[in-house]
């Protein structure tokens, strides 16, 4: 059974959410950086706390860190691994 002919409509946090954002949590199976790009204006304007999965793609640890810090360089950044190995690793960005 396939999904041919199905349509998926996607939007961004910036386009969909009009109010102030204070916290963003993402674990999107490797699409986290794409979603952060779609939240760039809220990250810049609202400076929310962030909890972002960084384990689905090997370069996401570096790329997600650089992306967020290039928007706001005044975050304290923490990593927490919730399992053995490198799966379930979350990067937290807490505004200073």
PDB file of N, CA and C in Angstrom:
ATOM      1  N   UNK A   1       0.837  -1.167   0.000  1.00  0.00           N
ATOM      2  CA  UNK A   1       0.000   0.000   0.000  1.00  0.00           C
ATOM      3  C   UNK A   1       0.886   1.236   0.000  1.00  0.00           C
ATOM      4  N   UNK A   2       0.774   2.060  -1.008  1.00  0.00           N
ATOM      5  CA  UNK A   2       1.606   3.248  -1.122  1.00  0.00           C
ATOM      6  C   UNK A   2       0.825   4.508  -0.840  1.00  0.00           C
ATOM      7  N   UNK A   3       1.520   5.599  -0.909  1.00  0.00           N
ATOM      8  CA  UNK A   3       0.901   6.886  -0.662  1.00  0.00           C
ATOM      9  C   UNK A   3       0.884   7.735  -1.920  1.00  0.00           C
ATOM     10  N   UNK A   4       1.001   7.130  -3.098  1.00  0.00           N
ATOM     11  CA  UNK A   4       1.013   7.923  -4.318  1.00  0.00           C
ATOM     12  C   UNK A   4      -0.292   8.697  -4.425  1.00  0.00           C
ATOM     13  N   UNK A   5      -0.174   9.917  -4.863  1.00  0.00           N
ATOM     14  CA  UNK A   5      -1.335  10.775  -4.964  1.00  0.00           C
ATOM     15  C   UNK A   5      -1.646  11.532  -3.684  1.00  0.00           C
ATOM     16  N   UNK A   6      -0.922  11.243  -2.612  1.00  0.00           N
ATOM     17  CA  UNK A   6      -1.140  11.952  -1.352  1.00  0.00           C
ATOM     18  C   UNK A   6      -0.441  13.298  -1.398  1.00  0.00           C
ATOM     19  N   UNK A   7      -1.016  14.242  -0.710  1.00  0.00           N
ATOM     20  CA  UNK A   7      -0.439  15.578  -0.630  1.00  0.00           C
ATOM     21  C   UNK A   7      -0.169  15.897   0.827  1.00  0.00           C
ATOM     22  N   UNK A   8       1.011  16.413   1.086  1.00  0.00           N
ATOM     23  CA  UNK A   8       1.372  16.854   2.429  1.00  0.00           C
ATOM     24  C   UNK A   8       1.633  18.350   2.368  1.00  0.00           C
ATOM     25  N   UNK A   9       0.955  19.080   3.198  1.00  0.00           N
ATOM     26  CA  UNK A   9       1.121  20.520   3.249  1.00  0.00           C
ATOM     27  C   UNK A   9       1.957  20.844   4.480  1.00  0.00           C
ATOM     28  N   UNK A  10       3.009  21.600   4.293  1.00  0.00           N
ATOM     29  CA  UNK A  10       3.884  21.981   5.405  1.00  0.00           C
ATOM     30  C   UNK A  10       3.949  23.498   5.493  1.00  0.00           C
ATOM     31  N   UNK A  11       4.222  23.965   6.685  1.00  0.00           N
ATOM     32  CA  UNK A  11       4.392  25.392   6.911  1.00  0.00           C
ATOM     33  C   UNK A  11       5.566  25.573   7.865  1.00  0.00           C
ATOM     34  N   UNK A  12       5.828  26.782   8.265  1.00  0.00           N
ATOM     35  CA  UNK A  12       6.916  27.048   9.210  1.00  0.00           C
ATOM     36  C   UNK A  12       6.349  27.628  10.500  1.00  0.00           C
ATOM     37  N   UNK A  13       7.132  27.556  11.547  1.00  0.00           N
ATOM     38  CA  UNK A  13       6.729  28.178  12.807  1.00  0.00           C
ATOM     39  C   UNK A  13       6.572  29.678  12.612  1.00  0.00           C
ATOM     40  N   UNK A  14       7.488  30.284  11.869  1.00  0.00           N
ATOM     41  CA  UNK A  14       7.398  31.725  11.628  1.00  0.00           C
ATOM     42  C   UNK A  14       6.109  32.100  10.906  1.00  0.00           C
ATOM     43  N   UNK A  15       5.680  31.310   9.943  1.00  0.00           N
ATOM     44  CA  UNK A  15       4.454  31.616   9.214  1.00  0.00           C
ATOM     45  C   UNK A  15       3.200  31.281  10.005  1.00  0.00           C
ATOM     46  N   UNK A  16       3.238  30.256  10.818  1.00  0.00           N
ATOM     47  CA  UNK A  16       2.041  29.749  11.484  1.00  0.00           C
ATOM     48  C   UNK A  16       1.773  30.396  12.837  1.00  0.00           C
ATOM     49  N   UNK A  17       2.820  30.672  13.606  1.00  0.00           N
ATOM     50  CA  UNK A  17       2.656  31.175  14.972  1.00  0.00           C
ATOM     51  C   UNK A  17       2.885  32.685  14.973  1.00  0.00           C
ATOM     52  N   UNK A  18       1.838  33.418  15.348  1.00  0.00           N
ATOM     53  CA  UNK A  18       1.930  34.886  15.311  1.00  0.00           C
ATOM     54  C   UNK A  18       2.319  35.486  16.660  1.00  0.00           C
ATOM     55  N   UNK A  19       2.077  34.776  17.754  1.00  0.00           N
ATOM     56  CA  UNK A  19       2.419  35.298  19.073  1.00  0.00           C
ATOM     57  C   UNK A  19       3.863  35.021  19.442  1.00  0.00           C
ATOM     58  N   UNK A  20       4.248  35.545  20.596  1.00  0.00           N
ATOM     59  CA  UNK A  20       5.606  35.335  21.102  1.00  0.00           C
ATOM     60  C   UNK A  20       5.809  33.865  21.460  1.00  0.00           C
ATOM     61  N   UNK A  21       6.985  33.360  21.156  1.00  0.00           N
ATOM     62  CA  UNK A  21       7.353  31.973  21.450  1.00  0.00           C
ATOM     63  C   UNK A  21       8.403  31.994  22.562  1.00  0.00           C
ATOM     64  N   UNK A  22       8.171  31.188  23.625  1.00  0.00           N
ATOM     65  CA  UNK A  22       9.125  31.167  24.739  1.00  0.00           C
ATOM     66  C   UNK A  22       9.906  29.862  24.813  1.00  0.00           C
ATOM     67  N   UNK A  23       9.425  28.797  24.135  1.00  0.00           N
ATOM     68  CA  UNK A  23      10.090  27.499  24.193  1.00  0.00           C
ATOM     69  C   UNK A  23       9.812  26.741  22.903  1.00  0.00           C
ATOM     70  N   UNK A  24      10.882  26.183  22.312  1.00  0.00           N
ATOM     71  CA  UNK A  24      10.757  25.334  21.126  1.00  0.00           C
ATOM     72  C   UNK A  24      11.470  24.030  21.422  1.00  0.00           C
ATOM     73  N   UNK A  25      10.760  22.917  21.259  1.00  0.00           N
ATOM     74  CA  UNK A  25      11.338  21.582  21.410  1.00  0.00           C
ATOM     75  C   UNK A  25      11.170  20.875  20.080  1.00  0.00           C
ATOM     76  N   UNK A  26      12.244  20.256  19.594  1.00  0.00           N
ATOM     77  CA  UNK A  26      12.195  19.553  18.317  1.00  0.00           C
ATOM     78  C   UNK A  26      12.925  18.221  18.402  1.00  0.00           C
ATOM     79  N   UNK A  27      12.283  17.193  17.898  1.00  0.00           N
ATOM     80  CA  UNK A  27      12.889  15.887  17.653  1.00  0.00           C
ATOM     81  C   UNK A  27      12.199  15.365  16.405  1.00  0.00           C
ATOM     82  N   UNK A  28      12.671  15.819  15.257  1.00  0.00           N
ATOM     83  CA  UNK A  28      11.968  15.634  13.987  1.00  0.00           C
ATOM     84  C   UNK A  28      12.659  14.656  13.053  1.00  0.00           C
ATOM     85  N   UNK A  29      13.325  13.665  13.626  1.00  0.00           N
ATOM     86  CA  UNK A  29      13.915  12.575  12.842  1.00  0.00           C
ATOM     87  C   UNK A  29      14.816  13.072  11.706  1.00  0.00           C
ATOM     88  N   UNK A  30      15.631  14.078  12.011  1.00  0.00           N
ATOM     89  CA  UNK A  30      16.603  14.568  11.042  1.00  0.00           C
ATOM     90  C   UNK A  30      16.191  15.848  10.325  1.00  0.00           C
ATOM     91  N   UNK A  31      14.971  16.295  10.525  1.00  0.00           N
ATOM     92  CA  UNK A  31      14.482  17.520   9.879  1.00  0.00           C
ATOM     93  C   UNK A  31      14.569  18.720  10.811  1.00  0.00           C
ATOM     94  N   UNK A  32      15.249  18.560  11.930  1.00  0.00           N
ATOM     95  CA  UNK A  32      15.293  19.606  12.947  1.00  0.00           C
ATOM     96  C   UNK A  32      15.909  20.901  12.426  1.00  0.00           C
ATOM     97  N   UNK A  33      17.002  20.813  11.680  1.00  0.00           N
ATOM     98  CA  UNK A  33      17.636  22.020  11.152  1.00  0.00           C
ATOM     99  C   UNK A  33      16.704  22.727  10.179  1.00  0.00           C
ATOM    100  N   UNK A  34      16.026  21.975   9.329  1.00  0.00           N
ATOM    101  CA  UNK A  34      15.075  22.585   8.397  1.00  0.00           C
ATOM    102  C   UNK A  34      13.987  23.340   9.159  1.00  0.00           C
ATOM    103  N   UNK A  35      13.482  22.724  10.222  1.00  0.00           N
ATOM    104  CA  UNK A  35      12.435  23.362  11.016  1.00  0.00           C
ATOM    105  C   UNK A  35      12.967  24.599  11.737  1.00  0.00           C
ATOM    106  N   UNK A  36      14.205  24.545  12.215  1.00  0.00           N
ATOM    107  CA  UNK A  36      14.796  25.728  12.852  1.00  0.00           C
ATOM    108  C   UNK A  36      14.924  26.883  11.869  1.00  0.00           C
ATOM    109  N   UNK A  37      15.255  26.575  10.642  1.00  0.00           N
ATOM    110  CA  UNK A  37      15.323  27.621   9.611  1.00  0.00           C
ATOM    111  C   UNK A  37      13.956  28.303   9.495  1.00  0.00           C
ATOM    112  N   UNK A  38      12.902  27.515   9.597  1.00  0.00           N
ATOM    113  CA  UNK A  38      11.548  28.053   9.553  1.00  0.00           C
ATOM    114  C   UNK A  38      11.103  28.742  10.827  1.00  0.00           C
ATOM    115  N   UNK A  39      11.941  28.743  11.842  1.00  0.00           N
ATOM    116  CA  UNK A  39      11.650  29.435  13.099  1.00  0.00           C
ATOM    117  C   UNK A  39      12.659  30.551  13.368  1.00  0.00           C
ATOM    118  N   UNK A  40      13.442  30.875  12.373  1.00  0.00           N
ATOM    119  CA  UNK A  40      14.547  31.834  12.543  1.00  0.00           C
ATOM    120  C   UNK A  40      14.066  33.185  13.098  1.00  0.00           C
ATOM    121  N   UNK A  41      12.952  33.693  12.590  1.00  0.00           N
ATOM    122  CA  UNK A  41      12.474  34.998  13.063  1.00  0.00           C
ATOM    123  C   UNK A  41      12.040  34.947  14.526  1.00  0.00           C
ATOM    124  N   UNK A  42      11.386  33.860  14.928  1.00  0.00           N
ATOM    125  CA  UNK A  42      11.002  33.733  16.338  1.00  0.00           C
ATOM    126  C   UNK A  42      12.238  33.586  17.224  1.00  0.00           C
ATOM    127  N   UNK A  43      13.227  32.849  16.767  1.00  0.00           N
ATOM    128  CA  UNK A  43      14.458  32.716  17.558  1.00  0.00           C
ATOM    129  C   UNK A  43      15.124  34.082  17.717  1.00  0.00           C
ATOM    130  N   UNK A  44      15.173  34.838  16.634  1.00  0.00           N
ATOM    131  CA  UNK A  44      15.803  36.166  16.680  1.00  0.00           C
ATOM    132  C   UNK A  44      14.998  37.136  17.545  1.00  0.00           C
ATOM    133  N   UNK A  45      13.702  37.207  17.321  1.00  0.00           N
ATOM    134  CA  UNK A  45      12.869  38.214  17.990  1.00  0.00           C
ATOM    135  C   UNK A  45      12.476  37.836  19.412  1.00  0.00           C
ATOM    136  N   UNK A  46      12.196  36.551  19.657  1.00  0.00           N
ATOM    137  CA  UNK A  46      11.659  36.130  20.945  1.00  0.00           C
ATOM    138  C   UNK A  46      12.702  35.536  21.886  1.00  0.00           C
ATOM    139  N   UNK A  47      13.829  35.088  21.321  1.00  0.00           N
ATOM    140  CA  UNK A  47      14.928  34.519  22.113  1.00  0.00           C
ATOM    141  C   UNK A  47      14.436  33.413  23.044  1.00  0.00           C
ATOM    142  N   UNK A  48      13.749  32.401  22.488  1.00  0.00           N
ATOM    143  CA  UNK A  48      13.164  31.354  23.335  1.00  0.00           C
ATOM    144  C   UNK A  48      14.193  30.346  23.836  1.00  0.00           C
ATOM    145  N   UNK A  49      13.817  29.598  24.869  1.00  0.00           N
ATOM    146  CA  UNK A  49      14.558  28.401  25.257  1.00  0.00           C
ATOM    147  C   UNK A  49      14.368  27.382  24.138  1.00  0.00           C
ATOM    148  N   UNK A  50      15.412  26.610  23.853  1.00  0.00           N
ATOM    149  CA  UNK A  50      15.345  25.600  22.797  1.00  0.00           C
ATOM    150  C   UNK A  50      15.827  24.258  23.321  1.00  0.00           C
ATOM    151  N   UNK A  51      15.165  23.195  22.906  1.00  0.00           N
ATOM    152  CA  UNK A  51      15.593  21.818  23.184  1.00  0.00           C
ATOM    153  C   UNK A  51      15.506  21.086  21.850  1.00  0.00           C
ATOM    154  N   UNK A  52      16.666  20.835  21.237  1.00  0.00           N
ATOM    155  CA  UNK A  52      16.699  20.344  19.864  1.00  0.00           C
ATOM    156  C   UNK A  52      17.476  19.032  19.787  1.00  0.00           C
ATOM    157  N   UNK A  53      16.874  18.025  19.163  1.00  0.00           N
ATOM    158  CA  UNK A  53      17.562  16.748  18.944  1.00  0.00           C
ATOM    159  C   UNK A  53      18.705  16.958  17.957  1.00  0.00           C
ATOM    160  N   UNK A  54      19.876  16.411  18.295  1.00  0.00           N
ATOM    161  CA  UNK A  54      21.059  16.596  17.441  1.00  0.00           C
ATOM    162  C   UNK A  54      21.705  15.269  17.068  1.00  0.00           C
ATOM    163  N   UNK A  55      20.960  14.174  17.107  1.00  0.00           N
ATOM    164  CA  UNK A  55      21.561  12.858  16.913  1.00  0.00           C
ATOM    165  C   UNK A  55      21.131  12.148  15.634  1.00  0.00           C
ATOM    166  N   UNK A  56      20.225  12.686  14.888  1.00  0.00           N
ATOM    167  CA  UNK A  56      19.736  11.973  13.704  1.00  0.00           C
ATOM    168  C   UNK A  56      20.720  12.027  12.532  1.00  0.00           C
ATOM    169  N   UNK A  57      21.467  13.101  12.418  1.00  0.00           N
ATOM    170  CA  UNK A  57      22.470  13.254  11.362  1.00  0.00           C
ATOM    171  C   UNK A  57      23.794  13.632  12.018  1.00  0.00           C
ATOM    172  N   UNK A  58      24.881  13.050  11.523  1.00  0.00           N
ATOM    173  CA  UNK A  58      26.172  13.218  12.192  1.00  0.00           C
ATOM    174  C   UNK A  58      26.629  14.672  12.255  1.00  0.00           C
ATOM    175  N   UNK A  59      26.254  15.493  11.297  1.00  0.00           N
ATOM    176  CA  UNK A  59      26.713  16.881  11.299  1.00  0.00           C
ATOM    177  C   UNK A  59      25.760  17.828  12.029  1.00  0.00           C
ATOM    178  N   UNK A  60      24.655  17.329  12.548  1.00  0.00           N
ATOM    179  CA  UNK A  60      23.698  18.221  13.196  1.00  0.00           C
ATOM    180  C   UNK A  60      24.196  18.800  14.513  1.00  0.00           C
ATOM    181  N   UNK A  61      25.029  18.095  15.228  1.00  0.00           N
ATOM    182  CA  UNK A  61      25.583  18.639  16.463  1.00  0.00           C
ATOM    183  C   UNK A  61      26.247  19.987  16.180  1.00  0.00           C
ATOM    184  N   UNK A  62      27.071  20.016  15.155  1.00  0.00           N
ATOM    185  CA  UNK A  62      27.777  21.253  14.785  1.00  0.00           C
ATOM    186  C   UNK A  62      26.853  22.233  14.072  1.00  0.00           C
ATOM    187  N   UNK A  63      26.089  21.770  13.086  1.00  0.00           N
ATOM    188  CA  UNK A  63      25.279  22.677  12.263  1.00  0.00           C
ATOM    189  C   UNK A  63      24.164  23.360  13.061  1.00  0.00           C
ATOM    190  N   UNK A  64      23.510  22.620  13.928  1.00  0.00           N
ATOM    191  CA  UNK A  64      22.440  23.224  14.724  1.00  0.00           C
ATOM    192  C   UNK A  64      23.021  24.229  15.706  1.00  0.00           C
ATOM    193  N   UNK A  65      24.142  23.878  16.346  1.00  0.00           N
ATOM    194  CA  UNK A  65      24.811  24.822  17.239  1.00  0.00           C
ATOM    195  C   UNK A  65      25.157  26.114  16.491  1.00  0.00           C
ATOM    196  N   UNK A  66      25.824  25.986  15.352  1.00  0.00           N
ATOM    197  CA  UNK A  66      26.236  27.164  14.592  1.00  0.00           C
ATOM    198  C   UNK A  66      25.043  27.983  14.115  1.00  0.00           C
ATOM    199  N   UNK A  67      23.983  27.315  13.673  1.00  0.00           N
ATOM    200  CA  UNK A  67      22.809  28.031  13.180  1.00  0.00           C
ATOM    201  C   UNK A  67      22.209  28.903  14.279  1.00  0.00           C
ATOM    202  N   UNK A  68      21.988  28.322  15.438  1.00  0.00           N
ATOM    203  CA  UNK A  68      21.349  29.072  16.528  1.00  0.00           C
ATOM    204  C   UNK A  68      22.267  30.169  17.047  1.00  0.00           C
ATOM    205  N   UNK A  69      23.536  29.861  17.258  1.00  0.00           N
ATOM    206  CA  UNK A  69      24.476  30.856  17.800  1.00  0.00           C
ATOM    207  C   UNK A  69      24.685  32.015  16.818  1.00  0.00           C
ATOM    208  N   UNK A  70      24.571  31.761  15.530  1.00  0.00           N
ATOM    209  CA  UNK A  70      24.669  32.844  14.553  1.00  0.00           C
ATOM    210  C   UNK A  70      23.456  33.765  14.585  1.00  0.00           C
ATOM    211  N   UNK A  71      22.341  33.291  15.114  1.00  0.00           N
ATOM    212  CA  UNK A  71      21.161  34.145  15.292  1.00  0.00           C
ATOM    213  C   UNK A  71      21.282  34.927  16.592  1.00  0.00           C
ATOM    214  N   UNK A  72      21.628  34.229  17.668  1.00  0.00           N
ATOM    215  CA  UNK A  72      21.804  34.829  19.002  1.00  0.00           C
ATOM    216  C   UNK A  72      23.024  34.174  19.633  1.00  0.00           C
ATOM    217  N   UNK A  73      24.058  34.952  19.902  1.00  0.00           N
ATOM    218  CA  UNK A  73      25.257  34.360  20.504  1.00  0.00           C
ATOM    219  C   UNK A  73      25.237  34.448  22.028  1.00  0.00           C
ATOM    220  N   UNK A  74      24.093  34.789  22.580  1.00  0.00           N
ATOM    221  CA  UNK A  74      23.989  34.902  24.035  1.00  0.00           C
ATOM    222  C   UNK A  74      23.083  33.817  24.620  1.00  0.00           C
ATOM    223  N   UNK A  75      23.392  32.578  24.253  1.00  0.00           N
ATOM    224  CA  UNK A  75      22.755  31.403  24.831  1.00  0.00           C
ATOM    225  C   UNK A  75      23.795  30.615  25.629  1.00  0.00           C
ATOM    226  N   UNK A  76      23.396  30.086  26.757  1.00  0.00           N
ATOM    227  CA  UNK A  76      24.156  29.018  27.392  1.00  0.00           C
ATOM    228  C   UNK A  76      23.733  27.740  26.688  1.00  0.00           C
ATOM    229  N   UNK A  77      24.690  26.903  26.342  1.00  0.00           N
ATOM    230  CA  UNK A  77      24.386  25.691  25.575  1.00  0.00           C
ATOM    231  C   UNK A  77      24.796  24.469  26.390  1.00  0.00           C
ATOM    232  N   UNK A  78      23.890  23.504  26.450  1.00  0.00           N
ATOM    233  CA  UNK A  78      24.111  22.262  27.186  1.00  0.00           C
ATOM    234  C   UNK A  78      23.731  21.081  26.317  1.00  0.00           C
ATOM    235  N   UNK A  79      24.414  19.965  26.508  1.00  0.00           N
ATOM    236  CA  UNK A  79      24.065  18.705  25.841  1.00  0.00           C
ATOM    237  C   UNK A  79      23.638  17.715  26.908  1.00  0.00           C
ATOM    238  N   UNK A  80      22.612  16.948  26.591  1.00  0.00           N
ATOM    239  CA  UNK A  80      22.218  15.867  27.484  1.00  0.00           C
ATOM    240  C   UNK A  80      21.908  14.645  26.640  1.00  0.00           C
ATOM    241  N   UNK A  81      22.543  13.543  26.996  1.00  0.00           N
ATOM    242  CA  UNK A  81      22.320  12.267  26.317  1.00  0.00           C
ATOM    243  C   UNK A  81      21.439  11.425  27.230  1.00  0.00           C
ATOM    244  N   UNK A  82      20.325  10.947  26.687  1.00  0.00           N
ATOM    245  CA  UNK A  82      19.349  10.229  27.495  1.00  0.00           C
ATOM    246  C   UNK A  82      19.457   8.710  27.394  1.00  0.00           C
ATOM    247  N   UNK A  83      20.400   8.200  26.594  1.00  0.00           N
ATOM    248  CA  UNK A  83      20.600   6.752  26.472  1.00  0.00           C
ATOM    249  C   UNK A  83      22.088   6.470  26.359  1.00  0.00           C
ATOM    250  N   UNK A  84      22.465   5.191  26.375  1.00  0.00           N
ATOM    251  CA  UNK A  84      23.852   4.831  26.086  1.00  0.00           C
ATOM    252  C   UNK A  84      24.089   5.057  24.599  1.00  0.00           C
ATOM    253  N   UNK A  85      25.314   5.386  24.237  1.00  0.00           N
ATOM    254  CA  UNK A  85      25.625   5.680  22.842  1.00  0.00           C
ATOM    255  C   UNK A  85      25.284   7.122  22.521  1.00  0.00           C
ATOM    256  N   UNK A  86      25.071   7.396  21.244  1.00  0.00           N
ATOM    257  CA  UNK A  86      24.834   8.787  20.854  1.00  0.00           C
ATOM    258  C   UNK A  86      23.387   9.084  20.494  1.00  0.00           C
ATOM    259  N   UNK A  87      22.496   8.102  20.626  1.00  0.00           N
ATOM    260  CA  UNK A  87      21.099   8.393  20.321  1.00  0.00           C
ATOM    261  C   UNK A  87      20.446   9.140  21.475  1.00  0.00           C
ATOM    262  N   UNK A  88      19.399   9.852  21.148  1.00  0.00           N
ATOM    263  CA  UNK A  88      18.646  10.631  22.133  1.00  0.00           C
ATOM    264  C   UNK A  88      19.485  11.725  22.786  1.00  0.00           C
ATOM    265  N   UNK A  89      20.306  12.396  22.003  1.00  0.00           N
ATOM    266  CA  UNK A  89      21.090  13.521  22.502  1.00  0.00           C
ATOM    267  C   UNK A  89      20.360  14.816  22.163  1.00  0.00           C
ATOM    268  N   UNK A  90      20.138  15.624  23.175  1.00  0.00           N
ATOM    269  CA  UNK A  90      19.404  16.887  23.027  1.00  0.00           C
ATOM    270  C   UNK A  90      20.339  18.034  23.356  1.00  0.00           C
ATOM    271  N   UNK A  91      20.324  19.072  22.516  1.00  0.00           N
ATOM    272  CA  UNK A  91      21.082  20.297  22.764  1.00  0.00           C
ATOM    273  C   UNK A  91      20.100  21.349  23.272  1.00  0.00           C
ATOM    274  N   UNK A  92      20.437  21.895  24.432  1.00  0.00           N
ATOM    275  CA  UNK A  92      19.603  22.921  25.047  1.00  0.00           C
ATOM    276  C   UNK A  92      20.267  24.275  24.875  1.00  0.00           C
ATOM    277  N   UNK A  93      19.471  25.260  24.496  1.00  0.00           N
ATOM    278  CA  UNK A  93      19.917  26.646  24.373  1.00  0.00           C
ATOM    279  C   UNK A  93      19.082  27.445  25.373  1.00  0.00           C
ATOM    280  N   UNK A  94      19.754  28.008  26.382  1.00  0.00           N
ATOM    281  CA  UNK A  94      19.081  28.758  27.430  1.00  0.00           C
ATOM    282  C   UNK A  94      19.571  30.208  27.347  1.00  0.00           C
ATOM    283  N   UNK A  95      18.668  31.157  27.131  1.00  0.00           N
ATOM    284  CA  UNK A  95      19.118  32.545  27.044  1.00  0.00           C
ATOM    285  C   UNK A  95      19.845  32.996  28.304  1.00  0.00           C
ATOM    286  N   UNK A  96      20.909  33.742  28.104  1.00  0.00           N
ATOM    287  CA  UNK A  96      21.684  34.277  29.240  1.00  0.00           C
ATOM    288  C   UNK A  96      20.934  35.459  29.825  1.00  0.00           C
TER     289      UNK A  96
END
